[in-house]
Amino acid sequence: QLNSRESVQKALQGKSAWADIFLVPFGTRERIGGLI
């Protein structure tokens, strides 16, 4: 989870970014609409 939508876009373009890091345990599924 990055600080802003702009940070997400920068990371997707290959730029470094700070983020909160979460472990996604095996068996975790996305909900309807792609929400976790």
PDB file of all heavy atoms in Angstrom:
ATOM      1  N   GLN A   1       0.862  -1.178   0.000  1.00  0.00           N
ATOM      2  CA  GLN A   1       0.000   0.000   0.000  1.00  0.00           C
ATOM      3  C   GLN A   1       0.898   1.227   0.000  1.00  0.00           C
ATOM      4  O   GLN A   1       1.593   1.497   0.966  1.00  0.00           O
ATOM      5  CB  GLN A   1      -0.914   0.032   1.207  1.00  0.00           C
ATOM      6  CG  GLN A   1      -1.831   1.229   1.168  1.00  0.00           C
ATOM      7  CD  GLN A   1      -2.608   1.415   2.454  1.00  0.00           C
ATOM      8  OE1 GLN A   1      -2.613   0.558   3.310  1.00  0.00           O
ATOM      9  NE2 GLN A   1      -3.244   2.545   2.562  1.00  0.00           N
ATOM     10  N   LEU A   2       0.882   1.938  -1.112  1.00  0.00           N
ATOM     11  CA  LEU A   2       1.707   3.124  -1.256  1.00  0.00           C
ATOM     12  C   LEU A   2       0.957   4.349  -0.757  1.00  0.00           C
ATOM     13  O   LEU A   2      -0.235   4.293  -0.489  1.00  0.00           O
ATOM     14  CB  LEU A   2       2.135   3.288  -2.715  1.00  0.00           C
ATOM     15  CG  LEU A   2       3.107   2.174  -3.144  1.00  0.00           C
ATOM     16  CD1 LEU A   2       2.375   1.005  -3.715  1.00  0.00           C
ATOM     17  CD2 LEU A   2       4.134   2.693  -4.079  1.00  0.00           C
ATOM     18  N   ASN A   3       1.669   5.475  -0.626  1.00  0.00           N
ATOM     19  CA  ASN A   3       1.103   6.686  -0.027  1.00  0.00           C
ATOM     20  C   ASN A   3       0.009   7.335  -0.850  1.00  0.00           C
ATOM     21  O   ASN A   3      -0.850   8.019  -0.311  1.00  0.00           O
ATOM     22  CB  ASN A   3       2.202   7.712   0.222  1.00  0.00           C
ATOM     23  CG  ASN A   3       3.244   7.181   1.179  1.00  0.00           C
ATOM     24  OD1 ASN A   3       2.983   6.260   1.928  1.00  0.00           O
ATOM     25  ND2 ASN A   3       4.428   7.742   1.151  1.00  0.00           N
ATOM     26  N   SER A   4       0.034   7.185  -2.172  1.00  0.00           N
ATOM     27  CA  SER A   4      -0.948   7.861  -3.025  1.00  0.00           C
ATOM     28  C   SER A   4      -1.110   7.104  -4.332  1.00  0.00           C
ATOM     29  O   SER A   4      -0.306   6.240  -4.669  1.00  0.00           O
ATOM     30  CB  SER A   4      -0.489   9.296  -3.320  1.00  0.00           C
ATOM     31  OG  SER A   4       0.693   9.264  -4.100  1.00  0.00           O
ATOM     32  N   ARG A   5      -2.136   7.459  -5.087  1.00  0.00           N
ATOM     33  CA  ARG A   5      -2.339   6.851  -6.403  1.00  0.00           C
ATOM     34  C   ARG A   5      -1.183   7.191  -7.337  1.00  0.00           C
ATOM     35  O   ARG A   5      -0.797   6.392  -8.169  1.00  0.00           O
ATOM     36  CB  ARG A   5      -3.668   7.305  -6.994  1.00  0.00           C
ATOM     37  CG  ARG A   5      -4.862   6.718  -6.268  1.00  0.00           C
ATOM     38  CD  ARG A   5      -6.182   7.011  -6.968  1.00  0.00           C
ATOM     39  NE  ARG A   5      -7.292   6.405  -6.256  1.00  0.00           N
ATOM     40  CZ  ARG A   5      -7.727   5.160  -6.449  1.00  0.00           C
ATOM     41  NH1 ARG A   5      -7.138   4.406  -7.341  1.00  0.00           N
ATOM     42  NH2 ARG A   5      -8.753   4.687  -5.766  1.00  0.00           N
ATOM     43  N   GLU A   6      -0.610   8.395  -7.178  1.00  0.00           N
ATOM     44  CA  GLU A   6       0.532   8.788  -7.996  1.00  0.00           C
ATOM     45  C   GLU A   6       1.736   7.891  -7.693  1.00  0.00           C
ATOM     46  O   GLU A   6       2.477   7.498  -8.598  1.00  0.00           O
ATOM     47  CB  GLU A   6       0.903  10.263  -7.752  1.00  0.00           C
ATOM     48  CG  GLU A   6      -0.133  11.254  -8.253  1.00  0.00           C
ATOM     49  CD  GLU A   6      -1.326  11.402  -7.304  1.00  0.00           C
ATOM     50  OE1 GLU A   6      -1.204  11.159  -6.088  1.00  0.00           O
ATOM     51  OE2 GLU A   6      -2.412  11.753  -7.801  1.00  0.00           O
ATOM     52  N   SER A   7       1.931   7.541  -6.417  1.00  0.00           N
ATOM     53  CA  SER A   7       3.029   6.644  -6.036  1.00  0.00           C
ATOM     54  C   SER A   7       2.832   5.258  -6.644  1.00  0.00           C
ATOM     55  O   SER A   7       3.788   4.614  -7.059  1.00  0.00           O
ATOM     56  CB  SER A   7       3.126   6.530  -4.517  1.00  0.00           C
ATOM     57  OG  SER A   7       3.472   7.757  -3.945  1.00  0.00           O
ATOM     58  N   VAL A   8       1.582   4.800  -6.683  1.00  0.00           N
ATOM     59  CA  VAL A   8       1.281   3.500  -7.303  1.00  0.00           C
ATOM     60  C   VAL A   8       1.659   3.547  -8.781  1.00  0.00           C
ATOM     61  O   VAL A   8       2.324   2.639  -9.294  1.00  0.00           O
ATOM     62  CB  VAL A   8      -0.206   3.122  -7.129  1.00  0.00           C
ATOM     63  CG1 VAL A   8      -0.559   1.903  -7.965  1.00  0.00           C
ATOM     64  CG2 VAL A   8      -0.526   2.877  -5.664  1.00  0.00           C
ATOM     65  N   GLN A   9       1.267   4.609  -9.466  1.00  0.00           N
ATOM     66  CA  GLN A   9       1.583   4.737 -10.896  1.00  0.00           C
ATOM     67  C   GLN A   9       3.097   4.781 -11.127  1.00  0.00           C
ATOM     68  O   GLN A   9       3.614   4.145 -12.051  1.00  0.00           O
ATOM     69  CB  GLN A   9       0.921   5.984 -11.487  1.00  0.00           C
ATOM     70  CG  GLN A   9      -0.590   5.889 -11.559  1.00  0.00           C
ATOM     71  CD  GLN A   9      -1.073   4.662 -12.318  1.00  0.00           C
ATOM     72  OE1 GLN A   9      -0.537   4.287 -13.343  1.00  0.00           O
ATOM     73  NE2 GLN A   9      -2.090   4.005 -11.782  1.00  0.00           N
ATOM     74  N   LYS A  10       3.825   5.506 -10.270  1.00  0.00           N
ATOM     75  CA  LYS A  10       5.281   5.581 -10.396  1.00  0.00           C
ATOM     76  C   LYS A  10       5.919   4.208 -10.196  1.00  0.00           C
ATOM     77  O   LYS A  10       6.820   3.823 -10.923  1.00  0.00           O
ATOM     78  CB  LYS A  10       5.856   6.595  -9.407  1.00  0.00           C
ATOM     79  CG  LYS A  10       5.572   8.025  -9.798  1.00  0.00           C
ATOM     80  CD  LYS A  10       6.156   8.983  -8.783  1.00  0.00           C
ATOM     81  CE  LYS A  10       5.822  10.420  -9.161  1.00  0.00           C
ATOM     82  NZ  LYS A  10       6.336  11.373  -8.183  1.00  0.00           N
ATOM     83  N   ALA A  11       5.427   3.462  -9.190  1.00  0.00           N
ATOM     84  CA  ALA A  11       5.963   2.120  -8.932  1.00  0.00           C
ATOM     85  C   ALA A  11       5.683   1.194 -10.113  1.00  0.00           C
ATOM     86  O   ALA A  11       6.542   0.387 -10.498  1.00  0.00           O
ATOM     87  CB  ALA A  11       5.362   1.547  -7.656  1.00  0.00           C
ATOM     88  N   LEU A  12       4.504   1.310 -10.711  1.00  0.00           N
ATOM     89  CA  LEU A  12       4.169   0.484 -11.874  1.00  0.00           C
ATOM     90  C   LEU A  12       5.034   0.841 -13.080  1.00  0.00           C
ATOM     91  O   LEU A  12       5.207   0.030 -13.989  1.00  0.00           O
ATOM     92  CB  LEU A  12       2.685   0.634 -12.228  1.00  0.00           C
ATOM     93  CG  LEU A  12       1.707   0.034 -11.218  1.00  0.00           C
ATOM     94  CD1 LEU A  12       0.279   0.417 -11.578  1.00  0.00           C
ATOM     95  CD2 LEU A  12       1.862  -1.477 -11.137  1.00  0.00           C
ATOM     96  N   GLN A  13       5.606   2.050 -13.090  1.00  0.00           N
ATOM     97  CA  GLN A  13       6.510   2.480 -14.153  1.00  0.00           C
ATOM     98  C   GLN A  13       7.964   2.114 -13.853  1.00  0.00           C
ATOM     99  O   GLN A  13       8.849   2.413 -14.638  1.00  0.00           O
ATOM    100  CB  GLN A  13       6.400   3.990 -14.360  1.00  0.00           C
ATOM    101  CG  GLN A  13       5.058   4.429 -14.876  1.00  0.00           C
ATOM    102  CD  GLN A  13       4.882   5.940 -14.804  1.00  0.00           C
ATOM    103  OE1 GLN A  13       5.769   6.678 -14.408  1.00  0.00           O
ATOM    104  NE2 GLN A  13       3.696   6.398 -15.195  1.00  0.00           N
ATOM    105  N   GLY A  14       8.209   1.490 -12.686  1.00  0.00           N
ATOM    106  CA  GLY A  14       9.557   1.046 -12.357  1.00  0.00           C
ATOM    107  C   GLY A  14      10.345   1.970 -11.455  1.00  0.00           C
ATOM    108  O   GLY A  14      11.532   1.769 -11.243  1.00  0.00           O
ATOM    109  N   LYS A  15       9.693   2.970 -10.897  1.00  0.00           N
ATOM    110  CA  LYS A  15      10.374   3.898  -9.995  1.00  0.00           C
ATOM    111  C   LYS A  15      10.261   3.400  -8.559  1.00  0.00           C
ATOM    112  O   LYS A  15       9.289   2.759  -8.184  1.00  0.00           O
ATOM    113  CB  LYS A  15       9.795   5.302 -10.133  1.00  0.00           C
ATOM    114  CG  LYS A  15      10.001   5.852 -11.530  1.00  0.00           C
ATOM    115  CD  LYS A  15       9.393   7.207 -11.693  1.00  0.00           C
ATOM    116  CE  LYS A  15       9.639   7.666 -13.131  1.00  0.00           C
ATOM    117  NZ  LYS A  15       8.741   8.695 -13.547  1.00  0.00           N
ATOM    118  N   SER A  16      11.271   3.710  -7.742  1.00  0.00           N
ATOM    119  CA  SER A  16      11.281   3.304  -6.340  1.00  0.00           C
ATOM    120  C   SER A  16      10.184   4.018  -5.567  1.00  0.00           C
ATOM    121  O   SER A  16       9.840   5.153  -5.876  1.00  0.00           O
ATOM    122  CB  SER A  16      12.632   3.629  -5.708  1.00  0.00           C
ATOM    123  OG  SER A  16      13.660   2.969  -6.393  1.00  0.00           O
ATOM    124  N   ALA A  17       9.671   3.353  -4.530  1.00  0.00           N
ATOM    125  CA  ALA A  17       8.612   3.955  -3.720  1.00  0.00           C
ATOM    126  C   ALA A  17       8.592   3.308  -2.342  1.00  0.00           C
ATOM    127  O   ALA A  17       8.964   2.147  -2.176  1.00  0.00           O
ATOM    128  CB  ALA A  17       7.261   3.767  -4.397  1.00  0.00           C
ATOM    129  N   TRP A  18       8.128   4.081  -1.349  1.00  0.00           N
ATOM    130  CA  TRP A  18       7.926   3.580   0.008  1.00  0.00           C
ATOM    131  C   TRP A  18       6.507   3.037   0.112  1.00  0.00           C
ATOM    132  O   TRP A  18       5.602   3.544  -0.518  1.00  0.00           O
ATOM    133  CB  TRP A  18       8.122   4.702   1.022  1.00  0.00           C
ATOM    134  CG  TRP A  18       9.549   5.134   1.130  1.00  0.00           C
ATOM    135  CD1 TRP A  18      10.124   6.192   0.496  1.00  0.00           C
ATOM    136  CD2 TRP A  18      10.571   4.505   1.890  1.00  0.00           C
ATOM    137  NE1 TRP A  18      11.453   6.257   0.826  1.00  0.00           N
ATOM    138  CE2 TRP A  18      11.763   5.236   1.679  1.00  0.00           C
ATOM    139  CE3 TRP A  18      10.618   3.406   2.730  1.00  0.00           C
ATOM    140  CZ2 TRP A  18      12.964   4.900   2.285  1.00  0.00           C
ATOM    141  CZ3 TRP A  18      11.820   3.066   3.332  1.00  0.00           C
ATOM    142  CH2 TRP A  18      12.967   3.805   3.116  1.00  0.00           C
ATOM    143  N   ALA A  19       6.337   1.990   0.945  1.00  0.00           N
ATOM    144  CA  ALA A  19       5.009   1.373   1.068  1.00  0.00           C
ATOM    145  C   ALA A  19       4.856   0.650   2.394  1.00  0.00           C
ATOM    146  O   ALA A  19       5.844   0.209   2.989  1.00  0.00           O
ATOM    147  CB  ALA A  19       4.807   0.369  -0.066  1.00  0.00           C
ATOM    148  N   ASP A  20       3.603   0.532   2.834  1.00  0.00           N
ATOM    149  CA  ASP A  20       3.271  -0.401   3.908  1.00  0.00           C
ATOM    150  C   ASP A  20       3.210  -1.776   3.265  1.00  0.00           C
ATOM    151  O   ASP A  20       2.621  -1.936   2.189  1.00  0.00           O
ATOM    152  CB  ASP A  20       1.923  -0.053   4.544  1.00  0.00           C
ATOM    153  CG  ASP A  20       2.047   1.023   5.604  1.00  0.00           C
ATOM    154  OD1 ASP A  20       2.806   0.808   6.563  1.00  0.00           O
ATOM    155  OD2 ASP A  20       1.383   2.056   5.458  1.00  0.00           O
ATOM    156  N   ILE A  21       3.806  -2.765   3.916  1.00  0.00           N
ATOM    157  CA  ILE A  21       3.930  -4.102   3.328  1.00  0.00           C
ATOM    158  C   ILE A  21       3.054  -5.078   4.114  1.00  0.00           C
ATOM    159  O   ILE A  21       3.162  -5.174   5.333  1.00  0.00           O
ATOM    160  CB  ILE A  21       5.404  -4.562   3.333  1.00  0.00           C
ATOM    161  CG1 ILE A  21       6.248  -3.544   2.559  1.00  0.00           C
ATOM    162  CG2 ILE A  21       5.532  -5.962   2.758  1.00  0.00           C
ATOM    163  CD1 ILE A  21       7.737  -3.719   2.729  1.00  0.00           C
ATOM    164  N   PHE A  22       2.205  -5.789   3.374  1.00  0.00           N
ATOM    165  CA  PHE A  22       1.302  -6.770   3.964  1.00  0.00           C
ATOM    166  C   PHE A  22       1.569  -8.142   3.362  1.00  0.00           C
ATOM    167  O   PHE A  22       1.778  -8.274   2.162  1.00  0.00           O
ATOM    168  CB  PHE A  22      -0.161  -6.410   3.680  1.00  0.00           C
ATOM    169  CG  PHE A  22      -0.634  -5.149   4.327  1.00  0.00           C
ATOM    170  CD1 PHE A  22      -0.447  -3.923   3.720  1.00  0.00           C
ATOM    171  CD2 PHE A  22      -1.293  -5.192   5.548  1.00  0.00           C
ATOM    172  CE1 PHE A  22      -0.898  -2.753   4.301  1.00  0.00           C
ATOM    173  CE2 PHE A  22      -1.753  -4.021   6.145  1.00  0.00           C
ATOM    174  CZ  PHE A  22      -1.545  -2.811   5.522  1.00  0.00           C
ATOM    175  N   LEU A  23       1.519  -9.156   4.195  1.00  0.00           N
ATOM    176  CA  LEU A  23       1.593 -10.547   3.760  1.00  0.00           C
ATOM    177  C   LEU A  23       0.186 -10.971   3.351  1.00  0.00           C
ATOM    178  O   LEU A  23      -0.779 -10.688   4.056  1.00  0.00           O
ATOM    179  CB  LEU A  23       2.063 -11.385   4.949  1.00  0.00           C
ATOM    180  CG  LEU A  23       2.609 -12.769   4.731  1.00  0.00           C
ATOM    181  CD1 LEU A  23       3.953 -12.683   4.021  1.00  0.00           C
ATOM    182  CD2 LEU A  23       2.783 -13.452   6.077  1.00  0.00           C
ATOM    183  N   VAL A  24       0.072 -11.633   2.207  1.00  0.00           N
ATOM    184  CA  VAL A  24      -1.217 -12.152   1.733  1.00  0.00           C
ATOM    185  C   VAL A  24      -1.182 -13.670   1.934  1.00  0.00           C
ATOM    186  O   VAL A  24      -0.575 -14.385   1.137  1.00  0.00           O
ATOM    187  CB  VAL A  24      -1.452 -11.817   0.240  1.00  0.00           C
ATOM    188  CG1 VAL A  24      -2.813 -12.329  -0.212  1.00  0.00           C
ATOM    189  CG2 VAL A  24      -1.317 -10.322  -0.015  1.00  0.00           C
ATOM    190  N   PRO A  25      -1.755 -14.182   3.025  1.00  0.00           N
ATOM    191  CA  PRO A  25      -1.685 -15.623   3.305  1.00  0.00           C
ATOM    192  C   PRO A  25      -2.296 -16.461   2.179  1.00  0.00           C
ATOM    193  O   PRO A  25      -3.218 -16.017   1.492  1.00  0.00           O
ATOM    194  CB  PRO A  25      -2.497 -15.783   4.588  1.00  0.00           C
ATOM    195  CG  PRO A  25      -2.520 -14.428   5.211  1.00  0.00           C
ATOM    196  CD  PRO A  25      -2.491 -13.468   4.054  1.00  0.00           C
ATOM    197  N   PHE A  26      -1.761 -17.684   1.990  1.00  0.00           N
ATOM    198  CA  PHE A  26      -2.353 -18.603   1.031  1.00  0.00           C
ATOM    199  C   PHE A  26      -3.838 -18.747   1.355  1.00  0.00           C
ATOM    200  O   PHE A  26      -4.233 -18.789   2.506  1.00  0.00           O
ATOM    201  CB  PHE A  26      -1.690 -19.986   1.100  1.00  0.00           C
ATOM    202  CG  PHE A  26      -0.384 -20.084   0.376  1.00  0.00           C
ATOM    203  CD1 PHE A  26       0.726 -20.617   0.998  1.00  0.00           C
ATOM    204  CD2 PHE A  26      -0.244 -19.647  -0.930  1.00  0.00           C
ATOM    205  CE1 PHE A  26       1.937 -20.723   0.340  1.00  0.00           C
ATOM    206  CE2 PHE A  26       0.951 -19.744  -1.610  1.00  0.00           C
ATOM    207  CZ  PHE A  26       2.044 -20.284  -0.970  1.00  0.00           C
ATOM    208  N   GLY A  27      -4.670 -18.797   0.340  1.00  0.00           N
ATOM    209  CA  GLY A  27      -6.103 -18.963   0.530  1.00  0.00           C
ATOM    210  C   GLY A  27      -6.871 -17.649   0.590  1.00  0.00           C
ATOM    211  O   GLY A  27      -8.090 -17.658   0.584  1.00  0.00           O
ATOM    212  N   THR A  28      -6.170 -16.517   0.665  1.00  0.00           N
ATOM    213  CA  THR A  28      -6.853 -15.225   0.662  1.00  0.00           C
ATOM    214  C   THR A  28      -7.364 -14.962  -0.743  1.00  0.00           C
ATOM    215  O   THR A  28      -6.621 -15.070  -1.705  1.00  0.00           O
ATOM    216  CB  THR A  28      -5.889 -14.090   1.089  1.00  0.00           C
ATOM    217  OG1 THR A  28      -5.380 -14.395   2.377  1.00  0.00           O
ATOM    218  CG2 THR A  28      -6.594 -12.755   1.109  1.00  0.00           C
ATOM    219  N   ARG A  29      -8.638 -14.614  -0.839  1.00  0.00           N
ATOM    220  CA  ARG A  29      -9.237 -14.377  -2.157  1.00  0.00           C
ATOM    221  C   ARG A  29      -9.704 -12.945  -2.277  1.00  0.00           C
ATOM    222  O   ARG A  29     -10.127 -12.341  -1.301  1.00  0.00           O
ATOM    223  CB  ARG A  29     -10.428 -15.304  -2.374  1.00  0.00           C
ATOM    224  CG  ARG A  29     -10.053 -16.761  -2.411  1.00  0.00           C
ATOM    225  CD  ARG A  29     -11.276 -17.600  -2.521  1.00  0.00           C
ATOM    226  NE  ARG A  29     -12.207 -17.173  -1.468  1.00  0.00           N
ATOM    227  CZ  ARG A  29     -13.413 -17.616  -1.310  1.00  0.00           C
ATOM    228  NH1 ARG A  29     -13.878 -18.509  -2.118  1.00  0.00           N
ATOM    229  NH2 ARG A  29     -14.201 -17.185  -0.336  1.00  0.00           N
ATOM    230  N   GLU A  30      -9.654 -12.461  -3.485  1.00  0.00           N
ATOM    231  CA  GLU A  30     -10.210 -11.139  -3.745  1.00  0.00           C
ATOM    232  C   GLU A  30     -11.732 -11.255  -3.714  1.00  0.00           C
ATOM    233  O   GLU A  30     -12.303 -12.237  -4.132  1.00  0.00           O
ATOM    234  CB  GLU A  30      -9.764 -10.631  -5.114  1.00  0.00           C
ATOM    235  CG  GLU A  30      -8.305 -10.290  -5.177  1.00  0.00           C
ATOM    236  CD  GLU A  30      -7.888  -9.739  -6.521  1.00  0.00           C
ATOM    237  OE1 GLU A  30      -8.733  -9.144  -7.207  1.00  0.00           O
ATOM    238  OE2 GLU A  30      -6.731  -9.923  -6.881  1.00  0.00           O
ATOM    239  N   ARG A  31     -12.359 -10.228  -3.212  1.00  0.00           N
ATOM    240  CA  ARG A  31     -13.814 -10.162  -3.165  1.00  0.00           C
ATOM    241  C   ARG A  31     -14.353  -9.680  -4.509  1.00  0.00           C
ATOM    242  O   ARG A  31     -13.601  -9.281  -5.389  1.00  0.00           O
ATOM    243  CB  ARG A  31     -14.263  -9.198  -2.066  1.00  0.00           C
ATOM    244  CG  ARG A  31     -13.754  -9.572  -0.698  1.00  0.00           C
ATOM    245  CD  ARG A  31     -14.508 -10.797  -0.196  1.00  0.00           C
ATOM    246  NE  ARG A  31     -14.168 -11.023   1.194  1.00  0.00           N
ATOM    247  CZ  ARG A  31     -13.689 -12.150   1.662  1.00  0.00           C
ATOM    248  NH1 ARG A  31     -13.463 -13.151   0.859  1.00  0.00           N
ATOM    249  NH2 ARG A  31     -13.428 -12.308   2.928  1.00  0.00           N
ATOM    250  N   ILE A  32     -15.660  -9.637  -4.630  1.00  0.00           N
ATOM    251  CA  ILE A  32     -16.289  -9.114  -5.841  1.00  0.00           C
ATOM    252  C   ILE A  32     -15.796  -7.696  -6.070  1.00  0.00           C
ATOM    253  O   ILE A  32     -15.730  -6.892  -5.145  1.00  0.00           O
ATOM    254  CB  ILE A  32     -17.826  -9.147  -5.701  1.00  0.00           C
ATOM    255  CG1 ILE A  32     -18.290 -10.597  -5.591  1.00  0.00           C
ATOM    256  CG2 ILE A  32     -18.498  -8.427  -6.860  1.00  0.00           C
ATOM    257  CD1 ILE A  32     -19.744 -10.762  -5.258  1.00  0.00           C
ATOM    258  N   GLY A  33     -15.420  -7.386  -7.278  1.00  0.00           N
ATOM    259  CA  GLY A  33     -14.884  -6.069  -7.590  1.00  0.00           C
ATOM    260  C   GLY A  33     -13.392  -5.977  -7.378  1.00  0.00           C
ATOM    261  O   GLY A  33     -12.806  -4.919  -7.533  1.00  0.00           O
ATOM    262  N   GLY A  34     -12.744  -7.073  -6.986  1.00  0.00           N
ATOM    263  CA  GLY A  34     -11.294  -7.084  -6.838  1.00  0.00           C
ATOM    264  C   GLY A  34     -10.772  -6.563  -5.518  1.00  0.00           C
ATOM    265  O   GLY A  34      -9.581  -6.338  -5.370  1.00  0.00           O
ATOM    266  N   LEU A  35     -11.649  -6.374  -4.530  1.00  0.00           N
ATOM    267  CA  LEU A  35     -11.201  -5.862  -3.231  1.00  0.00           C
ATOM    268  C   LEU A  35     -10.561  -6.961  -2.393  1.00  0.00           C
ATOM    269  O   LEU A  35     -11.020  -8.100  -2.380  1.00  0.00           O
ATOM    270  CB  LEU A  35     -12.380  -5.287  -2.443  1.00  0.00           C
ATOM    271  CG  LEU A  35     -12.987  -3.995  -2.953  1.00  0.00           C
ATOM    272  CD1 LEU A  35     -14.198  -3.642  -2.105  1.00  0.00           C
ATOM    273  CD2 LEU A  35     -11.976  -2.878  -2.939  1.00  0.00           C
ATOM    274  N   ILE A  36      -9.517  -6.589  -1.664  1.00  0.00           N
ATOM    275  CA  ILE A  36      -8.902  -7.457  -0.666  1.00  0.00           C
ATOM    276  C   ILE A  36      -9.259  -6.868   0.687  1.00  0.00           C
ATOM    277  O   ILE A  36      -9.134  -5.662   0.893  1.00  0.00           O
ATOM    278  CB  ILE A  36      -7.371  -7.504  -0.835  1.00  0.00           C
ATOM    279  CG1 ILE A  36      -7.011  -8.056  -2.213  1.00  0.00           C
ATOM    280  CG2 ILE A  36      -6.737  -8.337   0.269  1.00  0.00           C
ATOM    281  CD1 ILE A  36      -5.554  -7.928  -2.558  1.00  0.00           C
TER     282      ILE A  36
END
